[in-house]
Amino acid sequence: MTLPLLIFGACTGTFLAVIVGIIGSYRRLGFGWTFLISIIFTPLVGLICALISPRAAGEQNFGCLGAALVFIGVVIMCAITYVAALALGVISLAALTI
């Protein structure tokens, strides 16, 4: 029961690290370093490093569109993880009620 959950978590973490790496590719830090930071630490730390890094020369400013897309992606991945945990029986609805 825990092996599929571990595989799903590893795939989700890697997917989020790739998304953060793509965001970092438009920054001076670049895709590789942002992806590596996201894998070693967490995708959230990689995202913070990517957003702190200055923009690459000649890049357009897209405002908060990138941050909004990342936020929506994280919310969707959390929802998928929650549903998968419910389906695998890792957590139960009865334990979540007050």
C-alpha atoms as a PDB file:
ATOM      1  CA  MET A   1       0.000   0.000   0.000  1.00  0.00           C
ATOM      2  CA  THR A   2       2.829   2.418   0.698  1.00  0.00           C
ATOM      3  CA  LEU A   3       4.849   1.632  -2.428  1.00  0.00           C
ATOM      4  CA  PRO A   4       2.313   3.167  -4.859  1.00  0.00           C
ATOM      5  CA  LEU A   5       2.084   6.222  -2.606  1.00  0.00           C
ATOM      6  CA  LEU A   6       5.887   6.578  -2.584  1.00  0.00           C
ATOM      7  CA  ILE A   7       6.023   6.242  -6.362  1.00  0.00           C
ATOM      8  CA  PHE A   8       3.253   8.817  -6.732  1.00  0.00           C
ATOM      9  CA  GLY A   9       5.068  11.199  -4.373  1.00  0.00           C
ATOM     10  CA  ALA A  10       8.342  10.829  -6.267  1.00  0.00           C
ATOM     11  CA  CYS A  11       6.607  11.464  -9.594  1.00  0.00           C
ATOM     12  CA  THR A  12       4.761  14.463  -8.185  1.00  0.00           C
ATOM     13  CA  GLY A  13       7.944  15.932  -6.706  1.00  0.00           C
ATOM     14  CA  THR A  14       9.813  15.470  -9.967  1.00  0.00           C
ATOM     15  CA  PHE A  15       6.943  16.994 -11.957  1.00  0.00           C
ATOM     16  CA  LEU A  16       6.871  20.039  -9.679  1.00  0.00           C
ATOM     17  CA  ALA A  17      10.668  20.336  -9.895  1.00  0.00           C
ATOM     18  CA  VAL A  18      10.431  20.366 -13.707  1.00  0.00           C
ATOM     19  CA  ILE A  19       7.781  23.117 -13.572  1.00  0.00           C
ATOM     20  CA  VAL A  20       9.971  25.163 -11.228  1.00  0.00           C
ATOM     21  CA  GLY A  21      12.932  24.520 -13.536  1.00  0.00           C
ATOM     22  CA  ILE A  22      10.966  25.859 -16.487  1.00  0.00           C
ATOM     23  CA  ILE A  23      10.199  28.997 -14.477  1.00  0.00           C
ATOM     24  CA  GLY A  24      13.903  29.230 -13.605  1.00  0.00           C
ATOM     25  CA  SER A  25      14.913  28.956 -17.258  1.00  0.00           C
ATOM     26  CA  TYR A  26      13.664  32.501 -17.766  1.00  0.00           C
ATOM     27  CA  ARG A  27      15.904  33.705 -14.933  1.00  0.00           C
ATOM     28  CA  ARG A  28      19.658  34.095 -14.668  1.00  0.00           C
ATOM     29  CA  LEU A  29      19.811  31.001 -12.450  1.00  0.00           C
ATOM     30  CA  GLY A  30      18.712  28.815 -15.371  1.00  0.00           C
ATOM     31  CA  PHE A  31      16.799  25.558 -15.673  1.00  0.00           C
ATOM     32  CA  GLY A  32      19.532  23.215 -14.451  1.00  0.00           C
ATOM     33  CA  TRP A  33      20.372  24.933 -11.186  1.00  0.00           C
ATOM     34  CA  THR A  34      16.737  25.603 -10.361  1.00  0.00           C
ATOM     35  CA  PHE A  35      15.829  21.975 -11.081  1.00  0.00           C
ATOM     36  CA  LEU A  36      18.747  20.714  -8.976  1.00  0.00           C
ATOM     37  CA  ILE A  37      17.787  22.957  -6.032  1.00  0.00           C
ATOM     38  CA  SER A  38      14.180  21.763  -6.347  1.00  0.00           C
ATOM     39  CA  ILE A  39      15.227  18.102  -6.283  1.00  0.00           C
ATOM     40  CA  ILE A  40      17.730  18.453  -3.411  1.00  0.00           C
ATOM     41  CA  PHE A  41      15.544  20.620  -1.184  1.00  0.00           C
ATOM     42  CA  THR A  42      11.880  21.057  -2.192  1.00  0.00           C
ATOM     43  CA  PRO A  43      10.146  22.590  -5.210  1.00  0.00           C
ATOM     44  CA  LEU A  44       9.053  25.476  -2.965  1.00  0.00           C
ATOM     45  CA  VAL A  45      12.676  26.345  -2.111  1.00  0.00           C
ATOM     46  CA  GLY A  46      13.566  26.080  -5.808  1.00  0.00           C
ATOM     47  CA  LEU A  47      10.691  28.389  -6.712  1.00  0.00           C
ATOM     48  CA  ILE A  48      11.820  30.961  -4.162  1.00  0.00           C
ATOM     49  CA  CYS A  49      15.387  30.796  -5.519  1.00  0.00           C
ATOM     50  CA  ALA A  50      14.112  31.170  -9.083  1.00  0.00           C
ATOM     51  CA  LEU A  51      11.939  34.161  -8.218  1.00  0.00           C
ATOM     52  CA  ILE A  52      14.761  35.870  -6.290  1.00  0.00           C
ATOM     53  CA  SER A  53      17.175  35.416  -9.194  1.00  0.00           C
ATOM     54  CA  PRO A  54      17.246  38.376 -11.608  1.00  0.00           C
ATOM     55  CA  ARG A  55      15.643  38.002 -15.016  1.00  0.00           C
ATOM     56  CA  ALA A  56      17.732  36.935 -17.977  1.00  0.00           C
ATOM     57  CA  ALA A  57      18.671  39.700 -20.388  1.00  0.00           C
ATOM     58  CA  GLY A  58      15.927  40.541 -22.869  1.00  0.00           C
ATOM     59  CA  GLU A  59      13.105  38.661 -21.149  1.00  0.00           C
ATOM     60  CA  GLN A  60       9.609  40.129 -21.062  1.00  0.00           C
ATOM     61  CA  ASN A  61       7.769  40.759 -17.829  1.00  0.00           C
ATOM     62  CA  PHE A  62       4.657  38.583 -17.657  1.00  0.00           C
ATOM     63  CA  GLY A  63       3.445  40.022 -14.362  1.00  0.00           C
ATOM     64  CA  CYS A  64       1.932  37.520 -11.966  1.00  0.00           C
ATOM     65  CA  LEU A  65       0.794  35.048 -14.648  1.00  0.00           C
ATOM     66  CA  GLY A  66       3.618  32.618 -13.904  1.00  0.00           C
ATOM     67  CA  ALA A  67       3.023  32.742 -10.161  1.00  0.00           C
ATOM     68  CA  ALA A  68      -0.714  32.232 -10.695  1.00  0.00           C
ATOM     69  CA  LEU A  69      -0.087  29.177 -12.881  1.00  0.00           C
ATOM     70  CA  VAL A  70       2.298  27.705 -10.313  1.00  0.00           C
ATOM     71  CA  PHE A  71      -0.227  28.309  -7.533  1.00  0.00           C
ATOM     72  CA  ILE A  72      -2.999  26.623  -9.535  1.00  0.00           C
ATOM     73  CA  GLY A  73      -0.690  23.695 -10.321  1.00  0.00           C
ATOM     74  CA  VAL A  74       0.264  23.239  -6.667  1.00  0.00           C
ATOM     75  CA  VAL A  75      -3.397  23.320  -5.612  1.00  0.00           C
ATOM     76  CA  ILE A  76      -4.281  20.704  -8.248  1.00  0.00           C
ATOM     77  CA  MET A  77      -1.376  18.460  -7.206  1.00  0.00           C
ATOM     78  CA  CYS A  78      -2.389  18.754  -3.529  1.00  0.00           C
ATOM     79  CA  ALA A  79      -5.947  17.793  -4.438  1.00  0.00           C
ATOM     80  CA  ILE A  80      -4.741  14.793  -6.457  1.00  0.00           C
ATOM     81  CA  THR A  81      -2.471  13.703  -3.597  1.00  0.00           C
ATOM     82  CA  TYR A  82      -5.346  14.023  -1.117  1.00  0.00           C
ATOM     83  CA  VAL A  83      -7.698  11.966  -3.296  1.00  0.00           C
ATOM     84  CA  ALA A  84      -5.003   9.334  -3.854  1.00  0.00           C
ATOM     85  CA  ALA A  85      -4.354   9.112  -0.115  1.00  0.00           C
ATOM     86  CA  LEU A  86      -8.086   8.678   0.495  1.00  0.00           C
ATOM     87  CA  ALA A  87      -8.304   5.994  -2.184  1.00  0.00           C
ATOM     88  CA  LEU A  88      -5.321   4.086  -0.769  1.00  0.00           C
ATOM     89  CA  GLY A  89      -6.715   4.284   2.735  1.00  0.00           C
ATOM     90  CA  VAL A  90      -3.771   6.223   4.128  1.00  0.00           C
ATOM     91  CA  ILE A  91      -6.137   8.771   5.641  1.00  0.00           C
ATOM     92  CA  SER A  92      -9.843   8.591   6.359  1.00  0.00           C
ATOM     93  CA  LEU A  93     -12.580  11.190   6.367  1.00  0.00           C
ATOM     94  CA  ALA A  94     -13.595  10.194   9.888  1.00  0.00           C
ATOM     95  CA  ALA A  95     -10.166  11.208  11.197  1.00  0.00           C
ATOM     96  CA  LEU A  96     -10.494  14.646   9.614  1.00  0.00           C
ATOM     97  CA  THR A  97     -13.802  15.597  11.211  1.00  0.00           C
ATOM     98  CA  ILE A  98     -13.859  17.580  14.409  1.00  0.00           C
END
